[in-house]
Protein backbone atom coordinates (compact mmCIF):
# COMPACT_ATOMS: atom_id res chain seq x y z
CA MET A 1 113.02 96.72 91.89
CA ASP A 2 109.89 95.27 93.41
CA GLU A 3 106.84 94.83 91.08
CA TYR A 4 104.82 97.22 93.40
CA ASP A 5 107.33 100.14 93.80
CA TRP A 6 106.17 103.75 93.89
CA PRO A 7 107.39 105.85 90.95
CA THR A 8 110.80 107.19 91.58
CA GLY A 9 114.01 108.21 89.68
CA SER A 10 114.22 109.82 86.34
CA GLU A 11 110.93 108.42 85.21
CA ALA A 12 108.88 110.26 87.75
CA PRO A 13 108.84 114.08 88.22
CA ALA A 14 109.60 115.46 91.68
CA ALA A 15 106.63 115.99 93.94
CA GLU A 16 107.40 119.72 94.03
CA ALA A 17 107.16 119.90 90.26
CA VAL A 18 103.91 118.00 90.11
CA GLN A 19 102.51 120.39 92.76
CA SER A 20 103.69 123.53 91.28
CA SER A 21 102.44 122.45 87.73
CA TRP A 22 98.95 121.46 88.98
CA ALA A 23 96.97 124.48 87.55
CA VAL A 24 98.53 123.87 84.23
CA THR A 25 97.92 120.13 84.27
CA VAL A 26 94.17 120.57 85.10
CA SER A 27 93.86 123.22 82.35
CA ALA A 28 95.53 120.91 79.77
CA LEU A 29 93.66 117.87 80.78
CA PRO A 30 89.86 118.59 81.28
CA VAL A 31 87.66 115.70 82.17
CA GLY A 32 86.96 113.59 79.06
CA THR A 33 90.36 114.27 77.45
CA ARG A 34 92.09 111.36 75.77
CA ILE A 35 95.51 110.58 77.16
CA THR A 36 98.40 108.42 76.35
CA GLY A 37 101.44 107.65 78.56
CA GLU A 38 103.87 105.09 80.06
CA VAL A 39 103.27 103.16 83.28
CA ILE A 40 106.00 104.37 85.87
CA GLY A 41 104.74 102.71 89.01
CA ARG A 42 102.43 99.80 90.05
CA GLN A 43 100.47 99.19 93.21
CA ARG A 44 97.98 96.52 93.89
CA PHE A 45 95.17 99.23 93.54
CA GLY A 46 96.40 100.59 90.21
CA VAL A 47 99.14 102.17 88.08
CA PHE A 48 100.86 105.38 87.93
CA ILE A 49 101.30 107.02 84.45
CA ARG A 50 103.56 109.68 83.10
CA ILE A 51 101.23 111.46 80.69
CA ASP A 52 102.56 112.29 77.26
CA GLY A 53 102.65 115.93 76.36
CA VAL A 54 102.05 117.51 79.66
CA ALA A 55 105.22 118.12 81.75
CA ASN A 56 105.05 117.01 85.39
CA ALA A 57 101.57 115.38 85.10
CA ILE A 58 100.96 112.12 86.81
CA ALA A 59 97.88 110.00 86.36
CA LEU A 60 96.58 107.23 88.46
CA ALA A 61 94.44 104.53 86.91
CA GLU A 62 92.77 102.49 89.71
CA ILE A 63 91.97 98.84 89.00
CA THR A 64 88.29 99.64 89.48
CA ALA A 65 88.50 101.99 86.40
CA MET A 66 89.91 99.31 84.18
CA PRO A 67 87.95 96.73 82.02
CA HIS A 68 86.57 93.89 84.29
CA GLY A 69 88.75 90.80 84.53
CA THR A 70 92.06 92.40 83.09
CA ASP A 71 95.50 92.41 84.75
CA LEU A 72 97.26 95.66 85.66
CA PRO A 73 99.57 96.84 82.91
CA ALA A 74 103.30 96.17 83.56
CA LEU A 75 105.93 98.76 84.35
CA GLY A 76 106.99 100.31 81.06
CA ALA A 77 103.57 99.55 79.25
CA PHE A 78 102.23 102.30 77.03
CA VAL A 79 98.61 103.05 77.77
CA SER A 80 95.70 105.10 76.74
CA GLY A 81 92.47 106.27 78.30
CA GLU A 82 90.22 109.07 79.37
CA VAL A 83 90.50 111.62 82.11
CA LEU A 84 87.73 111.00 84.80
CA TRP A 85 88.56 113.77 87.37
CA HIS A 86 91.22 115.60 89.19
CA ALA A 87 92.39 114.75 92.60
CA ALA A 88 93.59 118.07 93.87
CA HIS A 89 94.45 116.75 97.40
CA ASN A 90 97.29 114.67 95.86
CA TYR A 91 97.72 116.36 92.52
CA GLN A 92 96.73 113.17 90.52
CA VAL A 93 94.77 112.97 87.25
CA LYS A 94 92.39 110.01 87.59
CA VAL A 95 91.93 108.06 84.44
CA ARG A 96 90.18 105.08 83.08
CA LEU A 97 92.31 102.91 80.81
CA ASP A 98 91.03 101.19 77.76
CA GLU A 99 94.08 100.00 76.03
CA TRP A 100 97.72 99.08 76.75
CA VAL A 101 100.78 97.49 75.10
CA ALA A 102 103.78 96.04 76.80
CA ALA A 103 106.96 98.03 76.31
CA ASP A 104 108.66 95.29 74.46
CA GLU A 105 105.81 94.87 71.88
């Protein structure tokens, strides 16, 4: 697997499931909500996160919403942060990360 793969496989819910669950996701995760989850995909612009406790919810933490001078969390890292907004056009919860731990720590 390339370091910058899109989330696929059993770690990522199907696009149809994310879309059909969107109303529940937005209701469960209002702006300001604290989230935790696991990094399931990396791109140069940020990381995709499977959010704990909300089925079929995917978050995107863009590098611009991370503490200055930090590296992107690795695949499998456990992260926490805050919901910034909801991107309805692609069914993503935008988050700002403030903490992460490598999967092997």
